[in-house]
């Protein structure tokens, strides 16, 4: 009996030793993988950028090989699903190597016809959109205006803005003037007071769609930029404020919800393989460094139609200002990486 008891004790001891060895091996494997992951995180820039980059399978060469990306943003709105207007048109550029981005607003009344003396509403850039049936034509017209190739576009429904702002807990913004406007045909009723405040999704939509009050003469000040010029300035500044709020560390936990919102309300020719390469570096982007401009020109009434006539000479200067510095900086950075 004593021998049997002794055998059982020895068996228990051996079993315990085996489990300790197994646990030790598992811990060692975890430690090795954690060390490798940590090493890769550091090589990918460390911090949140490094974590996201490593999770997506990036290495230290990924950033080196990334080129600046341009994409046209078309913001659409309308109460009917089968008829949406291109209210917002912006050209965005992002360079992950130097963490530089720019927004160029393009007035929706920009005239793209050959002879403005025979102007008609169908030759405005927003009319070229044709409810999503001629995005390629819209892209080609803007390429001609700015003298650059645009390979990517993103069409964003207003609902995306409403849901995104609500998902991140609202956006603090200084509303420039009192806004009171009603359009029964679009079921649009804007009612905002001037001043610094936290805007919810619905109020954010009112803000970016506002051009003038019920009395058309009551609009943004001349210094700020009247009508569409003022609206585009507000849109650019609100995008900056929204970026600051979205890129806060606490909103990292809302990324799944944000991704779902964008998936539902965005149409794009960009694949996930392209987008995922830029995501880790966008996490570190400082919204305060966003460069913003508006396409130079003048609003006119021609042939009974309100159009925006482009100043080609000034447009060339603006485009150079937004992009040439990036190209020169990239040459320097690429040389340093090679060294």
Protein backbone atom coordinates (compact mmCIF):
# COMPACT_ATOMS: atom_id res chain seq x y z
CA UNK A 1 0.00 0.00 0.00
CA UNK A 2 2.82 2.38 0.89
CA UNK A 3 4.56 1.64 -2.43
CA UNK A 4 1.35 2.41 -4.36
CA UNK A 5 0.90 5.70 -2.49
CA UNK A 6 4.51 6.60 -3.18
CA UNK A 7 4.03 5.84 -6.89
CA UNK A 8 0.96 8.08 -7.02
CA UNK A 9 2.87 10.91 -5.34
CA UNK A 10 5.75 10.51 -7.81
CA UNK A 11 3.25 10.41 -10.69
CA UNK A 12 1.69 13.68 -9.47
CA UNK A 13 5.10 15.29 -9.13
CA UNK A 14 6.09 14.19 -12.65
CA UNK A 15 2.76 15.41 -14.04
CA UNK A 16 3.23 18.78 -12.34
CA UNK A 17 6.75 19.03 -13.76
CA UNK A 18 5.41 18.27 -17.27
CA UNK A 19 2.75 21.00 -16.98
CA UNK A 20 5.35 23.45 -15.69
CA UNK A 21 7.56 22.65 -18.68
CA UNK A 22 4.61 23.04 -21.11
CA UNK A 23 3.60 26.37 -19.55
CA UNK A 24 7.22 27.51 -19.63
CA UNK A 25 7.46 26.60 -23.34
CA UNK A 26 4.18 28.44 -24.09
CA UNK A 27 5.40 31.52 -22.18
CA UNK A 28 8.70 31.35 -24.03
CA UNK A 29 6.90 31.19 -27.41
CA UNK A 30 4.69 34.16 -26.40
CA UNK A 31 7.78 36.06 -25.29
CA UNK A 32 9.55 35.34 -28.58
CA UNK A 33 6.53 36.44 -30.65
CA UNK A 34 6.05 39.51 -28.44
CA UNK A 35 9.72 40.39 -28.88
CA UNK A 36 9.48 39.98 -32.66
CA UNK A 37 6.26 42.05 -32.76
CA UNK A 38 7.80 44.75 -30.57
CA UNK A 39 10.91 44.82 -32.75
CA UNK A 40 8.76 45.22 -35.86
CA UNK A 41 6.65 47.92 -34.19
CA UNK A 42 9.83 49.89 -33.44
CA UNK A 43 11.13 49.36 -36.99
CA UNK A 44 7.77 50.60 -38.31
CA UNK A 45 8.03 53.88 -36.41
CA UNK A 46 6.84 52.90 -32.92
CA UNK A 47 3.72 54.10 -31.12
CA UNK A 48 0.27 53.70 -32.65
CA UNK A 49 1.73 53.99 -36.16
CA UNK A 50 4.08 51.07 -35.49
CA UNK A 51 1.36 48.90 -33.96
CA UNK A 52 -1.11 49.47 -36.82
CA UNK A 53 1.60 49.09 -39.48
CA UNK A 54 2.88 45.83 -37.98
CA UNK A 55 -0.67 44.47 -37.60
CA UNK A 56 -1.29 45.16 -41.30
CA UNK A 57 1.91 43.34 -42.25
CA UNK A 58 4.08 46.36 -43.09
CA UNK A 59 7.86 46.47 -42.79
CA UNK A 60 10.40 49.29 -42.81
CA UNK A 61 10.40 49.28 -46.63
CA UNK A 62 6.67 49.93 -46.91
CA UNK A 63 6.91 53.62 -46.04
CA UNK A 64 10.01 54.06 -48.21
CA UNK A 65 8.13 52.76 -51.25
CA UNK A 66 4.91 54.72 -50.62
CA UNK A 67 4.31 57.59 -53.02
CA UNK A 68 2.14 60.65 -52.32
CA UNK A 69 -1.48 59.90 -53.12
CA UNK A 70 -4.05 62.22 -54.72
CA UNK A 71 -7.77 61.62 -54.66
CA UNK A 72 -10.84 63.62 -55.62
CA UNK A 73 -13.47 63.93 -52.89
CA UNK A 74 -17.03 64.43 -54.16
CA UNK A 75 -19.54 65.21 -51.42
CA UNK A 76 -23.10 64.48 -52.51
CA UNK A 77 -26.43 65.36 -50.89
CA UNK A 78 -30.12 65.23 -51.65
CA UNK A 79 -33.37 63.98 -50.17
CA UNK A 80 -34.00 61.47 -52.99
CA UNK A 81 -31.87 58.34 -53.40
CA UNK A 82 -31.99 58.47 -57.21
CA UNK A 83 -31.00 62.13 -57.45
CA UNK A 84 -27.95 63.44 -55.61
CA UNK A 85 -26.12 66.73 -56.17
CA UNK A 86 -22.34 67.17 -56.09
CA UNK A 87 -22.31 69.88 -53.43
CA UNK A 88 -18.67 69.56 -52.36
CA UNK A 89 -15.68 68.98 -54.64
CA UNK A 90 -12.15 68.83 -53.19
CA UNK A 91 -8.82 67.53 -54.38
CA UNK A 92 -6.86 65.96 -51.54
CA UNK A 93 -3.18 65.03 -51.50
CA UNK A 94 -1.38 63.10 -48.76
CA UNK A 95 2.34 62.36 -48.46
CA UNK A 96 3.03 59.84 -45.66
CA UNK A 97 6.82 60.29 -45.78
CA UNK A 98 6.74 63.93 -44.71
CA UNK A 99 3.27 63.86 -43.07
CA UNK A 100 1.95 66.58 -45.35
CA UNK A 101 -1.56 66.90 -46.76
CA UNK A 102 -3.46 69.48 -48.75
CA UNK A 103 -7.06 70.26 -49.70
CA UNK A 104 -7.96 72.24 -52.81
CA UNK A 105 -11.62 73.30 -52.90
CA UNK A 106 -13.22 73.48 -56.33
CA UNK A 107 -16.37 75.66 -56.52
CA UNK A 108 -19.34 73.67 -57.76
CA UNK A 109 -20.18 76.45 -60.25
CA UNK A 110 -16.74 76.19 -61.90
CA UNK A 111 -17.33 76.60 -65.64
CA UNK A 112 -15.79 73.86 -67.79
CA UNK A 113 -17.31 74.75 -71.18
CA UNK A 114 -15.32 76.16 -74.10
CA UNK A 115 -17.17 79.46 -74.47
CA UNK A 116 -18.46 81.08 -71.29
CA UNK A 117 -20.42 83.67 -73.33
CA UNK A 118 -22.73 80.78 -74.21
CA UNK A 119 -22.77 79.53 -70.61
CA UNK A 120 -25.41 77.06 -69.49
CA UNK A 121 -25.87 75.24 -66.17
CA UNK A 122 -24.98 71.91 -67.81
CA UNK A 123 -21.36 73.07 -68.18
CA UNK A 124 -20.80 73.65 -64.47
CA UNK A 125 -18.48 71.10 -62.87
CA UNK A 126 -21.15 69.81 -60.46
CA UNK A 127 -23.52 69.17 -63.39
CA UNK A 128 -20.86 67.01 -65.09
CA UNK A 129 -21.29 64.55 -62.18
CA UNK A 130 -24.74 63.59 -63.54
CA UNK A 131 -25.87 61.82 -60.39
CA UNK A 132 -22.83 59.53 -60.46
CA UNK A 133 -23.08 58.56 -64.14
CA UNK A 134 -20.09 60.59 -65.30
CA UNK A 135 -17.46 60.57 -62.55
CA UNK A 136 -14.74 59.93 -65.14
CA UNK A 137 -15.80 63.07 -67.04
CA UNK A 138 -15.65 65.07 -63.83
CA UNK A 139 -12.15 63.76 -63.05
CA UNK A 140 -10.89 64.57 -66.56
CA UNK A 141 -12.22 68.13 -66.37
CA UNK A 142 -10.46 68.73 -63.04
CA UNK A 143 -7.24 67.16 -64.35
CA UNK A 144 -7.35 69.66 -67.21
CA UNK A 145 -7.86 72.56 -64.77
CA UNK A 146 -5.00 71.69 -62.39
CA UNK A 147 -2.60 70.03 -64.84
CA UNK A 148 -2.20 66.86 -62.75
CA UNK A 149 -3.35 63.27 -63.14
CA UNK A 150 -5.96 62.11 -60.63
CA UNK A 151 -6.11 58.32 -60.32
CA UNK A 152 -8.46 58.03 -57.37
CA UNK A 153 -11.85 59.34 -56.35
CA UNK A 154 -14.11 59.04 -53.31
CA UNK A 155 -17.83 59.87 -53.44
CA UNK A 156 -19.13 60.60 -49.94
CA UNK A 157 -22.82 60.85 -49.04
CA UNK A 158 -23.78 63.49 -46.48
CA UNK A 159 -25.01 60.67 -44.23
CA UNK A 160 -21.35 59.66 -43.69
CA UNK A 161 -20.60 63.05 -42.13
CA UNK A 162 -23.67 62.92 -39.89
CA UNK A 163 -22.90 59.41 -38.60
CA UNK A 164 -19.14 60.01 -38.28
CA UNK A 165 -19.55 63.17 -36.19
CA UNK A 166 -22.00 61.38 -33.89
CA UNK A 167 -19.68 58.33 -33.63
CA UNK A 168 -16.75 60.45 -32.37
CA UNK A 169 -18.92 62.30 -29.85
CA UNK A 170 -19.41 65.55 -31.80
CA UNK A 171 -16.97 68.16 -33.11
CA UNK A 172 -16.11 71.44 -31.40
CA UNK A 173 -16.20 74.28 -33.93
CA UNK A 174 -16.53 78.04 -34.11
CA UNK A 175 -19.60 78.70 -36.28
CA UNK A 176 -18.71 81.95 -38.13
CA UNK A 177 -22.19 83.52 -38.41
CA UNK A 178 -25.83 82.93 -37.48
CA UNK A 179 -27.26 80.45 -39.99
CA UNK A 180 -30.97 80.32 -40.77
CA UNK A 181 -32.05 78.74 -44.05
CA UNK A 182 -35.01 76.64 -45.23
CA UNK A 183 -35.38 74.66 -48.46
CA UNK A 184 -38.62 72.67 -48.51
CA UNK A 185 -37.73 70.90 -51.78
CA UNK A 186 -34.67 69.30 -50.11
CA UNK A 187 -36.25 69.03 -46.66
CA UNK A 188 -33.33 71.14 -45.44
CA UNK A 189 -33.81 73.40 -42.42
CA UNK A 190 -30.62 75.02 -41.10
CA UNK A 191 -30.69 76.74 -37.72
CA UNK A 192 -27.34 77.49 -36.06
CA UNK A 193 -26.13 80.32 -33.84
CA UNK A 194 -22.68 81.85 -34.29
CA UNK A 195 -19.97 80.94 -31.78
CA UNK A 196 -17.77 78.13 -30.47
CA UNK A 197 -19.82 75.02 -29.71
CA UNK A 198 -19.95 71.24 -29.99
CA UNK A 199 -21.86 70.20 -33.11
CA UNK A 200 -23.66 66.89 -33.52
CA UNK A 201 -24.02 65.09 -36.85
CA UNK A 202 -27.17 66.89 -37.97
CA UNK A 203 -25.72 70.29 -37.11
CA UNK A 204 -22.51 69.40 -38.96
CA UNK A 205 -24.53 68.78 -42.12
CA UNK A 206 -26.25 72.16 -41.72
CA UNK A 207 -22.87 73.85 -41.30
CA UNK A 208 -21.19 72.44 -44.43
CA UNK A 209 -24.25 72.97 -46.66
CA UNK A 210 -24.94 76.58 -45.67
CA UNK A 211 -24.32 79.33 -48.25
CA UNK A 212 -26.69 82.12 -47.25
CA UNK A 213 -29.64 82.83 -45.00
CA UNK A 214 -33.27 82.91 -46.14
CA UNK A 215 -32.45 86.40 -47.36
CA UNK A 216 -29.74 85.70 -50.03
CA UNK A 217 -28.07 89.01 -49.27
CA UNK A 218 -27.39 87.79 -45.73
CA UNK A 219 -24.34 85.57 -46.17
CA UNK A 220 -20.72 85.30 -45.01
CA UNK A 221 -18.77 88.57 -44.83
CA UNK A 222 -16.70 89.77 -47.79
CA UNK A 223 -13.50 89.22 -45.76
CA UNK A 224 -14.51 85.64 -44.97
CA UNK A 225 -15.69 84.88 -48.49
CA UNK A 226 -19.30 85.19 -49.58
CA UNK A 227 -21.72 82.47 -50.68
CA UNK A 228 -19.89 79.41 -52.10
CA UNK A 229 -16.42 80.78 -51.28
CA UNK A 230 -17.43 81.14 -47.63
CA UNK A 231 -19.04 77.73 -47.59
CA UNK A 232 -15.89 76.08 -48.98
CA UNK A 233 -13.76 77.81 -46.36
CA UNK A 234 -16.09 76.56 -43.63
CA UNK A 235 -15.97 73.04 -45.10
CA UNK A 236 -12.15 72.99 -45.13
CA UNK A 237 -11.90 74.31 -41.57
CA UNK A 238 -14.53 71.84 -40.37
CA UNK A 239 -12.65 68.95 -42.01
CA UNK A 240 -9.56 70.01 -40.05
CA UNK A 241 -11.53 70.09 -36.80
CA UNK A 242 -13.09 66.68 -37.54
CA UNK A 243 -9.67 65.17 -38.31
CA UNK A 244 -8.32 66.41 -34.96
CA UNK A 245 -11.25 64.82 -33.14
CA UNK A 246 -11.16 61.54 -35.11
CA UNK A 247 -7.40 61.05 -34.66
CA UNK A 248 -7.58 61.37 -30.87
CA UNK A 249 -6.28 58.19 -29.14
CA UNK A 250 -9.66 57.48 -27.51
CA UNK A 251 -11.29 57.17 -30.93
CA UNK A 252 -8.99 54.32 -31.91
CA UNK A 253 -11.54 52.07 -30.17
CA UNK A 254 -14.24 53.41 -32.51
CA UNK A 255 -12.35 52.42 -35.67
CA UNK A 256 -14.67 49.49 -36.41
CA UNK A 257 -17.75 51.71 -36.17
CA UNK A 258 -16.06 54.42 -38.27
CA UNK A 259 -15.10 51.82 -40.91
CA UNK A 260 -18.71 50.58 -41.07
CA UNK A 261 -20.00 54.15 -41.53
CA UNK A 262 -17.56 54.80 -44.37
CA UNK A 263 -18.30 51.44 -46.02
CA UNK A 264 -22.04 52.22 -46.12
CA UNK A 265 -21.75 55.78 -47.40
CA UNK A 266 -18.70 55.83 -49.69
CA UNK A 267 -18.18 54.84 -53.31
CA UNK A 268 -14.57 54.70 -54.51
CA UNK A 269 -12.31 53.18 -57.15
CA UNK A 270 -9.59 52.68 -54.50
CA UNK A 271 -9.01 49.10 -53.33
CA UNK A 272 -8.43 48.15 -49.70
CA UNK A 273 -4.88 47.07 -50.64
CA UNK A 274 -4.12 50.69 -51.57
CA UNK A 275 -5.88 52.25 -48.58
CA UNK A 276 -4.35 49.94 -45.95
CA UNK A 277 -0.82 51.01 -46.92
CA UNK A 278 -1.56 54.61 -45.89
CA UNK A 279 -3.68 53.97 -42.75
CA UNK A 280 -0.83 53.52 -40.20
CA UNK A 281 0.86 56.77 -41.18
CA UNK A 282 -2.38 58.76 -41.32
CA UNK A 283 -2.82 57.92 -37.61
CA UNK A 284 0.13 60.23 -36.85
CA UNK A 285 -1.03 63.07 -39.10
CA UNK A 286 -1.27 66.48 -37.43
CA UNK A 287 -4.46 68.16 -38.71
CA UNK A 288 -2.94 71.58 -37.91
CA UNK A 289 -0.46 71.08 -40.75
CA UNK A 290 -3.19 70.58 -43.37
CA UNK A 291 -2.67 73.07 -46.22
CA UNK A 292 -5.92 74.40 -47.69
CA UNK A 293 -6.63 76.53 -50.75
CA UNK A 294 -9.53 77.36 -53.06
CA UNK A 295 -9.34 77.24 -56.85
CA UNK A 296 -8.61 80.85 -57.88
CA UNK A 297 -11.25 82.64 -59.97
CA UNK A 298 -14.25 84.95 -59.85
CA UNK A 299 -18.02 84.35 -59.61
CA UNK A 300 -19.92 85.85 -62.55
CA UNK A 301 -23.40 86.08 -64.05
CA UNK A 302 -23.03 85.21 -67.73
CA UNK A 303 -25.87 84.53 -70.15
CA UNK A 304 -28.22 84.54 -67.15
CA UNK A 305 -26.25 81.74 -65.44
CA UNK A 306 -24.17 81.99 -62.25
CA UNK A 307 -20.72 80.57 -63.02
CA UNK A 308 -17.23 80.55 -61.50
CA UNK A 309 -14.54 81.56 -63.99
CA UNK A 310 -11.09 80.09 -63.34
CA UNK A 311 -7.98 82.25 -63.16
CA UNK A 312 -5.57 79.90 -64.98
CA UNK A 313 -2.41 81.84 -64.07
CA UNK A 314 -3.21 81.92 -60.33
CA UNK A 315 -4.36 78.29 -60.43
CA UNK A 316 -0.93 77.26 -61.69
CA UNK A 317 0.71 79.13 -58.79
CA UNK A 318 -1.60 77.51 -56.22
CA UNK A 319 -0.97 74.01 -57.59
CA UNK A 320 2.79 74.60 -57.49
CA UNK A 321 2.50 75.87 -53.92
CA UNK A 322 0.61 72.76 -52.84
CA UNK A 323 2.70 70.14 -54.60
CA UNK A 324 6.19 71.24 -55.68
CA UNK A 325 7.52 71.62 -52.13
CA UNK A 326 6.43 68.04 -51.42
CA UNK A 327 8.33 66.73 -54.45
CA UNK A 328 11.57 68.48 -53.50
CA UNK A 329 11.28 67.32 -49.88
CA UNK A 330 10.72 63.74 -51.03
CA UNK A 331 13.97 63.80 -53.02
CA UNK A 332 15.87 64.76 -49.87
CA UNK A 333 14.09 62.15 -47.73
CA UNK A 334 14.60 59.38 -50.31
CA UNK A 335 18.33 60.18 -50.42
CA UNK A 336 18.56 60.00 -46.62
CA UNK A 337 16.73 56.64 -46.59
CA UNK A 338 19.12 55.26 -49.20
CA UNK A 339 22.11 56.39 -47.10
